[in-house]
Amino acid sequence: MREKSKLFFINGTILTITALIMRFATLVFNIYISNKIGSEAIGVFSLVMAVYLFFITISTSGLNIAVTVIVSEKFALDKQNTAIKAIRSCIFFSLLLGIFAGIIILLFSNFITTNFLHNMVSIKPLFYIAIGLPFISMSSCISSYFTTIRKGYKNAITQIFEFIIKMFATIILLKINISKGVEYICISLILADVISEICSFTFIFVLYIIDIKLKKLSNVRSFGQRINILKIAFPVAITSYIRSGLSTLKQLIIPSQLEKYGLSCSNALSKYGMINGMVMPVITFPTVFISSYSNLLIPEFSTYVAQKNYIAINYISNKIFKFTCSFSICICSIFLFFSNELGLAIYNNLEIGLYFKIIAPLIFFMYMDNIIDSILKGLNKQFSVMCCNILDLSVTISFIFFVLPLWGINGYIVSIFISELLNFSVSLFQLIKSLHIKINFFDWIFTPLCCSLISYLLINIFHFCFVNLISNLIVNIALFIVFYCLMFFIVCKFIDKKILF
């Protein structure tokens, strides 16, 4: 148990550091682009990305989940040959699905640009998306394999390689096209992404071949586990199509419904871009600290389920919830207490600072839901997770469709609250029902909240006031985090001693 925990921590740390570097660089770059091209262009690009993500869902179709579940089970039972046959089948199916998704997006390209992208771009970005889909789907399967066998560092190396390619391609293409308007900016960003995905697939495929040869499994030439793959991937795929389709529809109708409220097309896209493309990426950025670990929870829990080790499942779940609650409340407090400063420092915009403050309370539910979903997937409850997401999206879309024309941007903010709270509540109910976990309100919620409030009071006592806004913000946030961690450590030590006595 101790060795597995150590390996889990090492893999999670590697993935977290890599993801942190990449997400931070991506966030900085996105902030630069946002400030450069404005919220309207960001709104248009967000719509293109919504379409992109839907067709990525079609090209992957739950095959990455099938790889995770089958490889976890077969390696736990020392049936590596069977696992490799399953991976070969998944990679082949993902290639076919990627090509199929590319053909579909090309066939409906004119319809998509006319009805959903407000004719702000031509079909060229969709053409480049179609080229990249097969490579994205195959990479997803191989990446899931490395995550499952606890070799996350190979994914980390691949992600760094992909990011370097993407950055260089983006810089070069934007330098050529940034002055040519919104469409060429979208083309530059999409084309850079496709180039990096092709290079990334080539690299990770070579790593996969080397890994198979080192395991002396290169003689495994046949395919296998087709029935098991279909049993796992098919329900995930169907619900994924529905969930992703609803998610895409949700994003696409927001600007249109804001127009019905009375906003112009340009203003509606600007407001949508401001919240969806500028506020939410910053709000969700800290999830990088827990997302790598949450992804690793899927194979970990799959292995424990295969071994019927329910004691380990409950023990790890409680530890993870305690950490995630303390982390999410800390981040929530930062956005709540420093919202105006963050809005000015990042975007030089007080309105965005106001949105940071409004959405900050949702951070706790967003981050916890991320962890809960991963645990449920590890417990082979993928279908339940998807059903939860479909329910959430159905309710939210109905709200957006009927309420946004009446409430405008305020209705969009309320829809975000409804979506996150509903998703979290249903997911938590499913987890409690599956594991019979008891919620420890004192350790998970009350203690971190007290530490946050005390830290904020101390910040007001030791508050630094530099002339430079960014320096002042960094120092005060760092000071808040130090106080918070110190208070949390002291309280936890006190509780532990009290339990011992």
Protein backbone atom coordinates (compact mmCIF):
# COMPACT_ATOMS: atom_id res chain seq x y z
CA MET A 1 0.00 0.00 0.00
CA ARG A 2 2.79 2.40 0.95
CA GLU A 3 4.70 1.74 -2.32
CA LYS A 4 1.57 2.31 -4.39
CA SER A 5 0.82 5.53 -2.53
CA LYS A 6 4.39 6.70 -3.12
CA LEU A 7 4.17 5.89 -6.84
CA PHE A 8 0.79 7.60 -7.04
CA PHE A 9 2.22 10.73 -5.40
CA ILE A 10 5.30 10.78 -7.68
CA ASN A 11 3.22 10.40 -10.86
CA GLY A 12 0.74 12.99 -9.66
CA THR A 13 3.53 15.43 -8.81
CA ILE A 14 5.18 15.01 -12.21
CA LEU A 15 1.88 15.54 -14.02
CA THR A 16 0.97 18.46 -11.78
CA ILE A 17 4.28 20.28 -12.31
CA THR A 18 4.07 19.73 -16.06
CA ALA A 19 0.43 20.77 -16.24
CA LEU A 20 1.15 23.79 -14.03
CA ILE A 21 3.94 25.02 -16.31
CA MET A 22 1.86 24.44 -19.43
CA ARG A 23 -1.38 25.84 -18.07
CA PHE A 24 0.38 28.89 -16.69
CA ALA A 25 2.14 29.56 -19.99
CA THR A 26 -1.14 28.99 -21.85
CA LEU A 27 -3.01 31.27 -19.46
CA VAL A 28 -0.42 34.04 -19.86
CA PHE A 29 -0.57 33.64 -23.62
CA ASN A 30 -4.40 33.68 -23.62
CA ILE A 31 -4.40 36.80 -21.46
CA TYR A 32 -1.99 38.44 -23.89
CA ILE A 33 -4.20 37.48 -26.86
CA SER A 34 -7.35 38.61 -25.03
CA ASN A 35 -5.88 42.02 -24.29
CA LYS A 36 -4.56 42.22 -27.85
CA ILE A 37 -7.68 41.30 -29.84
CA GLY A 38 -10.52 42.14 -27.43
CA SER A 39 -13.45 40.27 -25.92
CA GLU A 40 -15.48 40.09 -29.16
CA ALA A 41 -12.79 38.10 -30.98
CA ILE A 42 -12.40 35.91 -27.89
CA GLY A 43 -16.13 35.26 -28.04
CA VAL A 44 -15.93 34.14 -31.67
CA PHE A 45 -12.95 31.87 -30.99
CA SER A 46 -14.78 30.36 -27.97
CA LEU A 47 -17.63 29.38 -30.28
CA VAL A 48 -15.19 27.74 -32.71
CA MET A 49 -13.60 25.84 -29.81
CA ALA A 50 -17.03 24.66 -28.65
CA VAL A 51 -17.52 23.04 -32.07
CA TYR A 52 -13.97 21.66 -31.96
CA LEU A 53 -14.53 19.98 -28.59
CA PHE A 54 -17.75 18.35 -29.75
CA PHE A 55 -16.01 16.65 -32.68
CA ILE A 56 -13.12 15.61 -30.43
CA THR A 57 -15.75 13.81 -28.34
CA ILE A 58 -16.96 11.97 -31.42
CA SER A 59 -13.41 10.99 -32.40
CA THR A 60 -12.55 9.61 -28.93
CA SER A 61 -15.98 8.07 -28.13
CA GLY A 62 -15.03 6.76 -24.70
CA LEU A 63 -12.13 4.67 -25.99
CA ASN A 64 -9.68 6.34 -23.61
CA ILE A 65 -11.90 5.25 -20.69
CA ALA A 66 -11.97 1.72 -22.12
CA VAL A 67 -8.16 1.68 -22.19
CA THR A 68 -7.99 2.84 -18.57
CA VAL A 69 -10.49 0.30 -17.24
CA ILE A 70 -9.27 -2.75 -19.24
CA VAL A 71 -5.55 -2.11 -18.73
CA SER A 72 -6.07 -1.52 -14.99
CA GLU A 73 -7.96 -4.80 -14.63
CA LYS A 74 -5.66 -6.91 -16.84
CA PHE A 75 -2.41 -5.60 -15.36
CA ALA A 76 -3.81 -6.17 -11.85
CA LEU A 77 -4.50 -9.79 -12.87
CA ASP A 78 -1.08 -10.08 -14.60
CA LYS A 79 -2.59 -10.45 -18.10
CA GLN A 80 -0.42 -7.97 -19.98
CA ASN A 81 -0.79 -9.60 -23.41
CA THR A 82 -4.56 -9.26 -23.22
CA ALA A 83 -4.18 -5.61 -22.23
CA ILE A 84 -1.91 -4.82 -25.19
CA LYS A 85 -4.36 -6.47 -27.60
CA ALA A 86 -7.10 -4.24 -26.19
CA ILE A 87 -4.95 -1.12 -26.67
CA ARG A 88 -4.24 -2.04 -30.29
CA SER A 89 -7.97 -2.39 -30.89
CA CYS A 90 -8.70 0.96 -29.22
CA ILE A 91 -6.04 2.78 -31.28
CA PHE A 92 -7.44 1.32 -34.51
CA PHE A 93 -11.03 2.22 -33.59
CA SER A 94 -9.92 5.75 -32.62
CA LEU A 95 -8.29 6.22 -36.03
CA LEU A 96 -11.51 5.23 -37.80
CA LEU A 97 -13.63 7.45 -35.54
CA GLY A 98 -11.25 10.40 -36.03
CA ILE A 99 -11.57 10.12 -39.80
CA PHE A 100 -15.34 9.76 -39.50
CA ALA A 101 -15.61 12.87 -37.28
CA GLY A 102 -13.46 14.81 -39.77
CA ILE A 103 -15.74 13.88 -42.65
CA ILE A 104 -18.84 14.92 -40.67
CA ILE A 105 -17.44 18.35 -39.78
CA LEU A 106 -16.54 18.98 -43.43
CA LEU A 107 -20.00 17.94 -44.65
CA PHE A 108 -21.72 20.33 -42.22
CA SER A 109 -19.13 23.12 -42.33
CA ASN A 110 -21.33 25.65 -44.19
CA PHE A 111 -24.28 24.94 -41.89
CA ILE A 112 -22.10 25.41 -38.78
CA THR A 113 -20.53 28.70 -39.87
CA THR A 114 -23.87 30.17 -40.96
CA ASN A 115 -26.08 29.13 -38.06
CA PHE A 116 -23.71 28.96 -35.09
CA LEU A 117 -20.63 31.06 -35.82
CA HIS A 118 -22.61 34.12 -36.98
CA ASN A 119 -20.68 34.10 -40.31
CA MET A 120 -17.73 35.60 -38.44
CA VAL A 121 -15.37 32.96 -39.90
CA SER A 122 -15.28 30.84 -43.06
CA ILE A 123 -15.01 27.03 -43.25
CA LYS A 124 -11.18 27.11 -43.16
CA PRO A 125 -10.82 26.65 -39.37
CA LEU A 126 -13.19 23.66 -39.58
CA PHE A 127 -11.09 22.14 -42.37
CA TYR A 128 -7.96 22.26 -40.19
CA ILE A 129 -9.92 20.80 -37.26
CA ALA A 130 -10.90 17.82 -39.46
CA ILE A 131 -7.23 17.11 -40.22
CA GLY A 132 -6.26 16.98 -36.55
CA LEU A 133 -9.08 14.80 -35.18
CA PRO A 134 -7.60 11.31 -35.97
CA PHE A 135 -4.30 12.24 -34.30
CA ILE A 136 -6.05 13.62 -31.22
CA SER A 137 -8.15 10.47 -30.76
CA MET A 138 -5.19 8.08 -31.14
CA SER A 139 -3.05 10.16 -28.77
CA SER A 140 -5.85 10.01 -26.21
CA CYS A 141 -5.77 6.20 -26.12
CA ILE A 142 -1.98 5.98 -25.78
CA SER A 143 -1.96 8.70 -23.12
CA SER A 144 -4.55 6.76 -21.11
CA TYR A 145 -2.33 3.68 -21.35
CA PHE A 146 0.69 5.49 -19.85
CA THR A 147 -1.45 7.03 -17.11
CA THR A 148 -2.90 3.64 -16.22
CA ILE A 149 0.47 1.85 -15.93
CA ARG A 150 1.67 4.75 -13.72
CA LYS A 151 4.15 6.16 -16.21
CA GLY A 152 2.71 9.66 -16.19
CA TYR A 153 6.13 11.16 -16.84
CA LYS A 154 5.91 9.98 -20.47
CA ASN A 155 2.69 11.93 -20.91
CA ALA A 156 4.41 14.88 -19.25
CA ILE A 157 7.31 14.74 -21.71
CA THR A 158 4.87 14.51 -24.62
CA GLN A 159 2.84 17.47 -23.34
CA ILE A 160 5.95 19.62 -23.00
CA PHE A 161 7.01 18.68 -26.53
CA GLU A 162 3.52 19.46 -27.85
CA PHE A 163 3.40 22.77 -26.02
CA ILE A 164 6.77 23.90 -27.42
CA ILE A 165 5.63 23.09 -30.97
CA LYS A 166 2.30 24.83 -30.40
CA MET A 167 3.89 27.98 -28.99
CA PHE A 168 6.35 28.36 -31.85
CA ALA A 169 3.64 27.66 -34.45
CA THR A 170 1.24 30.08 -32.78
CA ILE A 171 3.80 32.89 -32.52
CA ILE A 172 4.81 32.52 -36.16
CA LEU A 173 1.26 32.27 -37.52
CA LEU A 174 -0.07 35.14 -35.39
CA LYS A 175 2.84 37.34 -36.43
CA ILE A 176 1.74 36.82 -40.02
CA ASN A 177 -2.04 36.97 -39.54
CA ILE A 178 -2.90 38.96 -36.40
CA SER A 179 -3.55 42.16 -38.35
CA LYS A 180 -5.88 40.43 -40.83
CA GLY A 181 -8.92 40.16 -38.55
CA VAL A 182 -10.83 37.70 -36.40
CA GLU A 183 -11.01 34.87 -38.94
CA TYR A 184 -7.26 34.75 -39.51
CA ILE A 185 -6.63 34.84 -35.77
CA CYS A 186 -8.91 31.79 -35.39
CA ILE A 187 -7.17 30.04 -38.30
CA SER A 188 -3.75 30.73 -36.77
CA LEU A 189 -4.74 29.33 -33.37
CA ILE A 190 -6.48 26.24 -34.79
CA LEU A 191 -3.70 25.46 -37.29
CA ALA A 192 -1.03 25.78 -34.58
CA ASP A 193 -3.02 23.37 -32.43
CA VAL A 194 -3.34 20.83 -35.26
CA ILE A 195 0.39 20.99 -36.07
CA SER A 196 1.25 20.38 -32.42
CA GLU A 197 -1.24 17.49 -32.17
CA ILE A 198 0.30 15.72 -35.17
CA CYS A 199 3.82 16.12 -33.74
CA SER A 200 2.60 15.05 -30.30
CA PHE A 201 1.00 11.87 -31.63
CA THR A 202 4.17 10.92 -33.51
CA PHE A 203 6.23 11.38 -30.36
CA ILE A 204 3.93 9.51 -27.95
CA PHE A 205 3.46 6.66 -30.46
CA VAL A 206 7.24 6.16 -30.58
CA LEU A 207 7.30 6.10 -26.74
CA TYR A 208 4.48 3.52 -26.79
CA ILE A 209 6.35 1.24 -29.22
CA ILE A 210 9.50 1.46 -27.10
CA ASP A 211 7.52 0.64 -23.94
CA ILE A 212 5.94 -2.42 -25.55
CA LYS A 213 9.35 -3.70 -26.69
CA LEU A 214 10.86 -3.20 -23.23
CA LYS A 215 8.03 -5.31 -21.80
CA LYS A 216 8.87 -7.93 -24.46
CA LEU A 217 5.32 -7.75 -25.75
CA SER A 218 6.18 -6.63 -29.28
CA ASN A 219 5.16 -10.07 -30.59
CA VAL A 220 1.54 -9.27 -29.73
CA ARG A 221 0.15 -8.56 -33.19
CA SER A 222 -3.51 -9.40 -32.91
CA PHE A 223 -6.43 -7.32 -31.73
CA GLY A 224 -8.57 -8.29 -28.77
CA GLN A 225 -11.14 -7.45 -26.11
CA ARG A 226 -13.50 -5.98 -28.73
CA ILE A 227 -16.58 -6.99 -26.76
CA ASN A 228 -15.22 -5.56 -23.51
CA ILE A 229 -14.20 -2.36 -25.30
CA LEU A 230 -17.69 -1.96 -26.71
CA LYS A 231 -19.30 -2.70 -23.34
CA ILE A 232 -17.28 0.09 -21.71
CA ALA A 233 -16.95 2.58 -24.57
CA PHE A 234 -20.40 2.34 -26.15
CA PRO A 235 -22.49 3.64 -23.21
CA VAL A 236 -19.78 6.23 -22.48
CA ALA A 237 -19.75 7.25 -26.16
CA ILE A 238 -23.52 7.62 -26.44
CA THR A 239 -23.80 9.65 -23.27
CA SER A 240 -20.67 11.60 -24.28
CA TYR A 241 -22.28 12.53 -27.60
CA ILE A 242 -25.38 13.74 -25.80
CA ARG A 243 -23.42 15.54 -23.08
CA SER A 244 -20.93 17.14 -25.47
CA GLY A 245 -23.68 18.00 -27.96
CA LEU A 246 -25.70 19.68 -25.23
CA SER A 247 -22.57 21.45 -23.94
CA THR A 248 -21.80 22.75 -27.42
CA LEU A 249 -25.41 23.79 -27.96
CA LYS A 250 -25.33 25.60 -24.61
CA GLN A 251 -22.29 27.63 -25.65
CA LEU A 252 -23.60 28.35 -29.14
CA ILE A 253 -27.01 29.67 -28.08
CA ILE A 254 -25.76 32.05 -25.38
CA PRO A 255 -24.84 34.94 -27.76
CA SER A 256 -28.09 34.46 -29.69
CA GLN A 257 -30.20 34.60 -26.53
CA LEU A 258 -28.30 37.67 -25.32
CA GLU A 259 -29.18 39.34 -28.63
CA LYS A 260 -32.87 38.67 -27.89
CA TYR A 261 -32.39 40.57 -24.63
CA GLY A 262 -31.53 43.61 -26.75
CA LEU A 263 -27.76 43.46 -27.12
CA SER A 264 -26.17 43.87 -30.54
CA CYS A 265 -24.39 40.85 -32.06
CA SER A 266 -21.02 42.48 -31.35
CA ASN A 267 -21.92 43.31 -27.74
CA ALA A 268 -23.40 39.85 -27.11
CA LEU A 269 -20.23 38.15 -28.39
CA SER A 270 -18.16 40.57 -26.29
CA LYS A 271 -20.04 39.77 -23.05
CA TYR A 272 -19.93 36.05 -23.81
CA GLY A 273 -16.20 36.25 -24.58
CA MET A 274 -15.54 38.22 -21.40
CA ILE A 275 -17.08 35.60 -19.08
CA ASN A 276 -16.44 32.39 -20.99
CA GLY A 277 -13.08 33.26 -22.55
CA MET A 278 -11.53 35.60 -19.97
CA VAL A 279 -13.05 35.07 -16.51
CA MET A 280 -13.59 31.28 -16.49
CA PRO A 281 -10.06 30.31 -17.68
CA VAL A 282 -8.57 32.26 -14.77
CA ILE A 283 -11.11 30.86 -12.27
CA THR A 284 -10.44 27.28 -13.38
CA PHE A 285 -6.65 27.64 -13.71
CA PRO A 286 -5.88 26.46 -10.13
CA THR A 287 -7.55 23.11 -10.91
CA VAL A 288 -4.20 22.21 -12.46
CA PHE A 289 -3.03 21.45 -8.91
CA ILE A 290 -5.65 18.73 -8.47
CA SER A 291 -6.61 17.64 -12.02
CA SER A 292 -3.49 15.49 -12.53
CA TYR A 293 -4.16 13.64 -9.27
CA SER A 294 -7.85 13.33 -10.08
CA ASN A 295 -7.03 11.70 -13.44
CA LEU A 296 -4.73 9.26 -11.66
CA LEU A 297 -7.60 8.33 -9.33
CA ILE A 298 -9.42 6.57 -12.19
CA PRO A 299 -6.87 3.71 -12.65
CA GLU A 300 -6.17 3.62 -8.88
CA PHE A 301 -9.82 3.08 -7.98
CA SER A 302 -10.31 0.70 -10.93
CA THR A 303 -7.49 -1.44 -9.54
CA TYR A 304 -8.95 -1.40 -6.01
CA VAL A 305 -12.38 -2.34 -7.37
CA ALA A 306 -10.86 -5.27 -9.30
CA GLN A 307 -9.15 -6.37 -6.07
CA LYS A 308 -12.31 -5.62 -4.01
CA ASN A 309 -10.21 -3.52 -1.63
CA TYR A 310 -13.00 -1.27 -0.31
CA ILE A 311 -11.09 -0.29 2.83
CA ALA A 312 -8.42 1.38 0.68
CA ILE A 313 -11.11 3.11 -1.39
CA ASN A 314 -12.73 4.70 1.66
CA TYR A 315 -9.40 5.63 3.24
CA ILE A 316 -8.08 7.36 0.10
CA SER A 317 -11.43 9.07 -0.55
CA ASN A 318 -11.45 10.70 2.89
CA LYS A 319 -7.85 11.91 2.54
CA ILE A 320 -8.53 13.34 -0.92
CA PHE A 321 -11.70 15.16 0.18
CA LYS A 322 -9.92 16.77 3.11
CA PHE A 323 -7.12 18.06 0.87
CA THR A 324 -9.44 19.18 -1.96
CA CYS A 325 -11.79 21.05 0.40
CA SER A 326 -8.93 22.95 2.05
CA PHE A 327 -7.37 23.77 -1.33
CA SER A 328 -10.62 24.89 -2.99
CA ILE A 329 -11.62 27.10 -0.04
CA CYS A 330 -8.19 28.75 -0.12
CA ILE A 331 -8.52 29.52 -3.86
CA CYS A 332 -12.13 30.64 -3.42
CA SER A 333 -11.01 33.09 -0.71
CA ILE A 334 -8.26 34.54 -2.92
CA PHE A 335 -10.70 35.33 -5.73
CA LEU A 336 -13.21 36.71 -3.24
CA PHE A 337 -10.82 38.92 -1.27
CA PHE A 338 -8.60 40.10 -4.17
CA SER A 339 -11.14 40.21 -7.02
CA ASN A 340 -10.75 43.87 -7.99
CA GLU A 341 -6.95 43.73 -7.88
CA LEU A 342 -6.97 40.55 -10.01
CA GLY A 343 -9.28 42.15 -12.60
CA LEU A 344 -7.02 45.19 -12.91
CA ALA A 345 -3.73 43.28 -12.84
CA ILE A 346 -4.73 40.64 -15.40
CA TYR A 347 -7.05 42.47 -17.80
CA ASN A 348 -6.97 46.10 -16.58
CA ASN A 349 -10.74 45.80 -16.24
CA LEU A 350 -12.77 46.30 -13.04
CA GLU A 351 -15.85 44.67 -14.60
CA ILE A 352 -13.95 41.39 -14.87
CA GLY A 353 -12.93 41.84 -11.22
CA LEU A 354 -16.61 42.04 -10.32
CA TYR A 355 -17.27 38.76 -12.17
CA PHE A 356 -14.35 37.15 -10.28
CA LYS A 357 -16.04 38.09 -6.99
CA ILE A 358 -19.48 36.88 -8.09
CA ILE A 359 -18.29 33.50 -9.38
CA ALA A 360 -15.72 32.89 -6.59
CA PRO A 361 -18.12 30.93 -4.28
CA LEU A 362 -18.60 28.36 -7.06
CA ILE A 363 -14.92 27.41 -7.00
CA PHE A 364 -15.46 25.03 -4.07
CA PHE A 365 -18.20 23.13 -5.92
CA MET A 366 -16.28 23.10 -9.24
CA TYR A 367 -13.13 21.63 -7.74
CA MET A 368 -14.91 19.09 -5.57
CA ASP A 369 -17.03 17.94 -8.49
CA ASN A 370 -13.83 17.35 -10.49
CA ILE A 371 -12.55 14.94 -7.82
CA ILE A 372 -15.90 13.21 -7.28
CA ASP A 373 -16.34 12.54 -11.01
CA SER A 374 -12.89 10.93 -11.22
CA ILE A 375 -13.63 8.67 -8.26
CA LEU A 376 -16.97 7.63 -9.78
CA LYS A 377 -15.25 6.82 -13.08
CA GLY A 378 -12.70 4.72 -11.20
CA LEU A 379 -15.61 2.86 -9.59
CA ASN A 380 -16.87 2.07 -13.11
CA LYS A 381 -19.72 4.57 -12.74
CA GLN A 382 -18.97 6.37 -16.01
CA PHE A 383 -22.54 6.05 -17.16
CA SER A 384 -23.82 7.66 -13.95
CA VAL A 385 -21.37 10.54 -14.36
CA MET A 386 -22.53 11.13 -17.91
CA CYS A 387 -26.20 10.99 -16.91
CA CYS A 388 -25.49 13.58 -14.23
CA ASN A 389 -23.83 15.86 -16.79
CA ILE A 390 -26.72 15.40 -19.22
CA LEU A 391 -29.26 16.33 -16.54
CA ASP A 392 -27.20 19.41 -15.63
CA LEU A 393 -26.90 20.54 -19.26
CA SER A 394 -30.56 19.94 -20.04
CA VAL A 395 -31.67 22.07 -17.09
CA THR A 396 -29.11 24.79 -17.87
CA ILE A 397 -29.97 24.97 -21.57
CA SER A 398 -33.66 25.32 -20.74
CA PHE A 399 -32.82 28.13 -18.32
CA ILE A 400 -30.59 29.89 -20.89
CA PHE A 401 -33.19 29.55 -23.63
CA PHE A 402 -36.09 30.98 -21.64
CA VAL A 403 -34.45 33.32 -19.10
CA LEU A 404 -31.54 35.00 -20.95
CA PRO A 405 -33.89 36.98 -23.23
CA LEU A 406 -35.44 38.38 -20.01
CA TRP A 407 -32.42 38.79 -17.71
CA GLY A 408 -29.54 39.20 -20.15
CA ILE A 409 -26.01 38.73 -18.78
CA ASN A 410 -27.36 38.34 -15.23
CA GLY A 411 -29.29 35.31 -16.45
CA TYR A 412 -26.04 33.84 -17.84
CA ILE A 413 -24.36 34.23 -14.42
CA VAL A 414 -27.33 32.53 -12.70
CA SER A 415 -27.17 29.68 -15.26
CA ILE A 416 -23.52 29.04 -14.29
CA PHE A 417 -24.56 28.76 -10.62
CA ILE A 418 -27.43 26.41 -11.45
CA SER A 419 -25.16 24.21 -13.58
CA GLU A 420 -22.34 23.84 -11.04
CA LEU A 421 -24.54 23.36 -7.98
CA LEU A 422 -26.79 20.80 -9.67
CA ASN A 423 -23.83 18.82 -11.03
CA PHE A 424 -22.06 18.79 -7.66
CA SER A 425 -25.18 17.77 -5.72
CA VAL A 426 -26.08 14.84 -7.97
CA SER A 427 -22.45 13.61 -8.16
CA LEU A 428 -22.05 13.77 -4.38
CA PHE A 429 -25.30 11.86 -3.88
CA GLN A 430 -24.07 9.12 -6.25
CA LEU A 431 -20.75 8.85 -4.43
CA ILE A 432 -22.34 8.63 -0.98
CA LYS A 433 -24.71 5.99 -2.29
CA SER A 434 -21.81 3.96 -3.78
CA LEU A 435 -19.27 4.19 -0.92
CA HIS A 436 -21.39 5.19 2.09
CA ILE A 437 -18.92 7.98 2.86
CA LYS A 438 -19.77 10.22 5.80
CA ILE A 439 -19.22 13.93 5.19
CA ASN A 440 -16.89 15.38 7.81
CA PHE A 441 -18.13 18.97 7.91
CA PHE A 442 -15.72 20.00 10.66
CA ASP A 443 -12.49 18.79 8.97
CA TRP A 444 -13.50 19.38 5.37
CA ILE A 445 -15.37 22.69 5.52
CA PHE A 446 -15.47 24.42 8.92
CA THR A 447 -11.71 24.21 9.59
CA PRO A 448 -10.60 25.60 6.19
CA LEU A 449 -13.20 28.40 6.41
CA CYS A 450 -11.92 29.46 9.84
CA CYS A 451 -8.33 29.36 8.58
CA SER A 452 -9.35 31.52 5.62
CA LEU A 453 -11.07 34.16 7.75
CA ILE A 454 -8.20 34.33 10.25
CA SER A 455 -5.70 34.62 7.38
CA TYR A 456 -7.68 37.49 5.88
CA LEU A 457 -7.68 39.31 9.22
CA LEU A 458 -3.92 38.85 9.49
CA ILE A 459 -3.51 40.11 5.92
CA ASN A 460 -5.26 43.34 6.88
CA ILE A 461 -2.80 43.75 9.74
CA PHE A 462 0.35 42.97 7.70
CA HIS A 463 -0.98 44.41 4.42
CA PHE A 464 1.72 45.58 2.01
CA CYS A 465 1.14 48.63 -0.19
CA PHE A 466 3.60 48.86 -3.05
CA VAL A 467 3.32 51.39 -5.85
CA ASN A 468 3.22 48.63 -8.46
CA LEU A 469 -0.20 46.93 -8.50
CA ILE A 470 1.06 43.52 -9.65
CA SER A 471 3.88 43.39 -7.06
CA ASN A 472 1.45 44.42 -4.35
CA LEU A 473 -1.05 41.72 -5.42
CA ILE A 474 1.55 38.93 -5.62
CA VAL A 475 3.01 39.70 -2.20
CA ASN A 476 -0.37 39.93 -0.45
CA ILE A 477 -1.71 36.75 -2.06
CA ALA A 478 1.51 34.92 -1.16
CA LEU A 479 1.20 36.21 2.40
CA PHE A 480 -2.42 35.04 2.57
CA ILE A 481 -1.44 31.54 1.37
CA VAL A 482 1.39 31.34 3.94
CA PHE A 483 -0.96 32.35 6.78
CA TYR A 484 -3.63 29.94 5.52
CA CYS A 485 -1.25 26.96 5.29
CA LEU A 486 0.26 27.78 8.67
CA MET A 487 -3.15 28.03 10.34
CA PHE A 488 -4.36 24.83 8.67
CA PHE A 489 -1.22 22.95 9.76
CA ILE A 490 -1.57 24.14 13.37
CA VAL A 491 -5.27 23.22 13.54
CA CYS A 492 -4.66 19.76 12.03
CA LYS A 493 -1.83 19.09 14.50
CA PHE A 494 -4.03 20.22 17.39
CA ILE A 495 -6.89 17.95 16.27
CA ASP A 496 -4.53 14.97 15.82
CA LYS A 497 -3.11 15.43 19.34
CA LYS A 498 -6.60 15.74 20.78
CA ILE A 499 -7.59 12.46 19.11
CA LEU A 500 -4.49 10.72 20.50
CA PHE A 501 -5.26 11.85 24.05
